[in-house]
Amino acid sequence: MAIHLVPVNSDKERAPKYEICARSPSGARVQVGALWEQTAKATGECFLQGRLEDPSLPNQVQISAFRQDDGSYNVVWQEQRRAKNAFAANDRQADPFTAAA
């Protein structure tokens, strides 16, 4: 998937800095994520952080992007694995609808 960043022009403090967009098979621009500007507490360095979500991807991808001196970005990403069964932790608990009173 080829993606590109689209700047977001907003006066809202919590608005993302960029939308992450891709092209659908029909050629339409589709937003598949967003990046917010963050500041590192230890160094004061500004960087972008957000996520990429798309139905064609098996899992959500967390992204951090650090601007380099030449204007490019050094990107660090981590796939967020989804639980195979969201109810697995509750399998051992009694079902409140069938448990004896």
C-alpha atoms as a PDB file:
ATOM      1  CA  MET A   1       0.000   0.000   0.000  1.00  0.00           C
ATOM      2  CA  ALA A   2       1.397   3.396  -0.974  1.00  0.00           C
ATOM      3  CA  ILE A   3       0.477   6.091   1.528  1.00  0.00           C
ATOM      4  CA  HIS A   4       0.935   9.839   1.691  1.00  0.00           C
ATOM      5  CA  LEU A   5       0.523  12.523   4.344  1.00  0.00           C
ATOM      6  CA  VAL A   6      -2.090  15.238   3.935  1.00  0.00           C
ATOM      7  CA  PRO A   7      -1.665  18.288   6.214  1.00  0.00           C
ATOM      8  CA  VAL A   8      -4.688  19.052   8.397  1.00  0.00           C
ATOM      9  CA  ASN A   9      -5.603  22.737   8.642  1.00  0.00           C
ATOM     10  CA  SER A  10      -7.513  23.123  11.893  1.00  0.00           C
ATOM     11  CA  ASP A  11      -7.680  25.574  14.773  1.00  0.00           C
ATOM     12  CA  LYS A  12      -8.606  22.758  17.173  1.00  0.00           C
ATOM     13  CA  GLU A  13      -5.865  21.932  19.656  1.00  0.00           C
ATOM     14  CA  ARG A  14      -6.505  18.172  19.532  1.00  0.00           C
ATOM     15  CA  ALA A  15      -6.686  17.896  15.729  1.00  0.00           C
ATOM     16  CA  PRO A  16      -4.088  15.692  14.034  1.00  0.00           C
ATOM     17  CA  LYS A  17      -1.205  17.337  12.197  1.00  0.00           C
ATOM     18  CA  TYR A  18      -1.553  14.953   9.215  1.00  0.00           C
ATOM     19  CA  GLU A  19      -4.034  12.484   7.814  1.00  0.00           C
ATOM     20  CA  ILE A  20      -2.468   9.286   6.477  1.00  0.00           C
ATOM     21  CA  CYS A  21      -4.131   8.561   3.134  1.00  0.00           C
ATOM     22  CA  ALA A  22      -4.058   5.826   0.509  1.00  0.00           C
ATOM     23  CA  ARG A  23      -5.828   5.357  -2.825  1.00  0.00           C
ATOM     24  CA  SER A  24      -8.726   2.949  -3.156  1.00  0.00           C
ATOM     25  CA  PRO A  25      -8.854   0.631  -6.201  1.00  0.00           C
ATOM     26  CA  SER A  26     -11.151   3.201  -7.841  1.00  0.00           C
ATOM     27  CA  GLY A  27      -8.572   5.956  -7.240  1.00  0.00           C
ATOM     28  CA  ALA A  28     -10.394   7.785  -4.441  1.00  0.00           C
ATOM     29  CA  ARG A  29      -8.352   9.158  -1.536  1.00  0.00           C
ATOM     30  CA  VAL A  30      -9.111   7.209   1.651  1.00  0.00           C
ATOM     31  CA  GLN A  31      -7.965   8.169   5.145  1.00  0.00           C
ATOM     32  CA  VAL A  32      -6.320   5.161   6.809  1.00  0.00           C
ATOM     33  CA  GLY A  33      -4.791   6.892   9.822  1.00  0.00           C
ATOM     34  CA  ALA A  34      -3.609  10.101  11.420  1.00  0.00           C
ATOM     35  CA  LEU A  35      -0.510  11.580  13.051  1.00  0.00           C
ATOM     36  CA  TRP A  36      -0.385  14.058  15.941  1.00  0.00           C
ATOM     37  CA  GLU A  37       2.539  16.287  16.830  1.00  0.00           C
ATOM     38  CA  GLN A  38       4.151  15.328  20.146  1.00  0.00           C
ATOM     39  CA  THR A  39       7.066  16.673  22.170  1.00  0.00           C
ATOM     40  CA  ALA A  40       9.537  14.373  23.916  1.00  0.00           C
ATOM     41  CA  LYS A  41       9.635  15.242  27.628  1.00  0.00           C
ATOM     42  CA  ALA A  42      13.326  14.397  28.033  1.00  0.00           C
ATOM     43  CA  THR A  43      14.726  16.229  24.992  1.00  0.00           C
ATOM     44  CA  GLY A  44      12.029  18.670  23.856  1.00  0.00           C
ATOM     45  CA  GLU A  45      12.260  17.142  20.371  1.00  0.00           C
ATOM     46  CA  CYS A  46       9.058  17.329  18.292  1.00  0.00           C
ATOM     47  CA  PHE A  47       7.919  14.184  16.501  1.00  0.00           C
ATOM     48  CA  LEU A  48       4.776  12.707  14.968  1.00  0.00           C
ATOM     49  CA  GLN A  49       2.862   9.854  16.544  1.00  0.00           C
ATOM     50  CA  GLY A  50      -0.294   8.054  15.483  1.00  0.00           C
ATOM     51  CA  ARG A  51      -1.701   4.927  13.951  1.00  0.00           C
ATOM     52  CA  LEU A  52      -2.477   3.303  10.645  1.00  0.00           C
ATOM     53  CA  GLU A  53      -5.692   1.280  10.368  1.00  0.00           C
ATOM     54  CA  ASP A  54      -6.952  -0.256   7.183  1.00  0.00           C
ATOM     55  CA  PRO A  55      -9.214  -3.246   6.502  1.00  0.00           C
ATOM     56  CA  SER A  56      -6.508  -4.705   4.245  1.00  0.00           C
ATOM     57  CA  LEU A  57      -4.105  -4.876   7.224  1.00  0.00           C
ATOM     58  CA  PRO A  58      -4.433  -7.706   9.739  1.00  0.00           C
ATOM     59  CA  ASN A  59      -3.720  -5.382  12.691  1.00  0.00           C
ATOM     60  CA  GLN A  60      -3.459  -1.712  13.615  1.00  0.00           C
ATOM     61  CA  VAL A  61       0.037  -0.197  13.259  1.00  0.00           C
ATOM     62  CA  GLN A  62       1.360   2.341  15.796  1.00  0.00           C
ATOM     63  CA  ILE A  63       3.724   4.868  14.160  1.00  0.00           C
ATOM     64  CA  SER A  64       6.282   7.371  15.437  1.00  0.00           C
ATOM     65  CA  ALA A  65       8.066   9.587  12.892  1.00  0.00           C
ATOM     66  CA  PHE A  66      11.142  11.669  13.688  1.00  0.00           C
ATOM     67  CA  ARG A  67      12.137  14.468  11.276  1.00  0.00           C
ATOM     68  CA  GLN A  68      15.725  14.311  10.047  1.00  0.00           C
ATOM     69  CA  ASP A  69      17.978  17.240   9.117  1.00  0.00           C
ATOM     70  CA  ASP A  70      17.292  16.686   5.409  1.00  0.00           C
ATOM     71  CA  GLY A  71      13.485  16.938   5.918  1.00  0.00           C
ATOM     72  CA  SER A  72      12.831  13.210   5.625  1.00  0.00           C
ATOM     73  CA  TYR A  73      11.402  11.136   8.476  1.00  0.00           C
ATOM     74  CA  ASN A  74      12.860   8.216  10.385  1.00  0.00           C
ATOM     75  CA  VAL A  75       9.789   6.033  11.005  1.00  0.00           C
ATOM     76  CA  VAL A  76       9.404   3.525  13.812  1.00  0.00           C
ATOM     77  CA  TRP A  77       6.348   1.286  13.741  1.00  0.00           C
ATOM     78  CA  GLN A  78       4.870  -1.533  15.767  1.00  0.00           C
ATOM     79  CA  GLU A  79       2.001  -3.788  14.821  1.00  0.00           C
ATOM     80  CA  GLN A  80      -0.644  -4.000  17.546  1.00  0.00           C
ATOM     81  CA  ARG A  81      -1.763  -7.611  17.685  1.00  0.00           C
ATOM     82  CA  ARG A  82      -5.445  -8.169  18.326  1.00  0.00           C
ATOM     83  CA  ALA A  83      -6.523 -10.855  20.760  1.00  0.00           C
ATOM     84  CA  LYS A  84      -7.650 -14.022  18.991  1.00  0.00           C
ATOM     85  CA  ASN A  85     -10.643 -14.210  21.289  1.00  0.00           C
ATOM     86  CA  ALA A  86     -11.617 -11.051  23.132  1.00  0.00           C
ATOM     87  CA  PHE A  87     -13.641 -13.131  25.570  1.00  0.00           C
ATOM     88  CA  ALA A  88     -10.874 -15.636  26.364  1.00  0.00           C
ATOM     89  CA  ALA A  89     -10.176 -14.022  29.749  1.00  0.00           C
ATOM     90  CA  ASN A  90     -13.804 -14.502  30.714  1.00  0.00           C
ATOM     91  CA  ASP A  91     -14.056 -18.163  29.645  1.00  0.00           C
ATOM     92  CA  ARG A  92     -13.297 -19.360  33.174  1.00  0.00           C
ATOM     93  CA  GLN A  93     -15.948 -17.167  34.811  1.00  0.00           C
ATOM     94  CA  ALA A  94     -19.484 -18.379  35.389  1.00  0.00           C
ATOM     95  CA  ASP A  95     -22.063 -17.210  32.885  1.00  0.00           C
ATOM     96  CA  PRO A  96     -24.401 -14.918  34.901  1.00  0.00           C
ATOM     97  CA  PHE A  97     -27.387 -16.037  32.808  1.00  0.00           C
ATOM     98  CA  THR A  98     -26.922 -19.773  33.477  1.00  0.00           C
ATOM     99  CA  ALA A  99     -25.280 -19.820  36.899  1.00  0.00           C
ATOM    100  CA  ALA A 100     -27.396 -21.272  39.681  1.00  0.00           C
ATOM    101  CA  ALA A 101     -28.678 -18.769  42.220  1.00  0.00           C
END
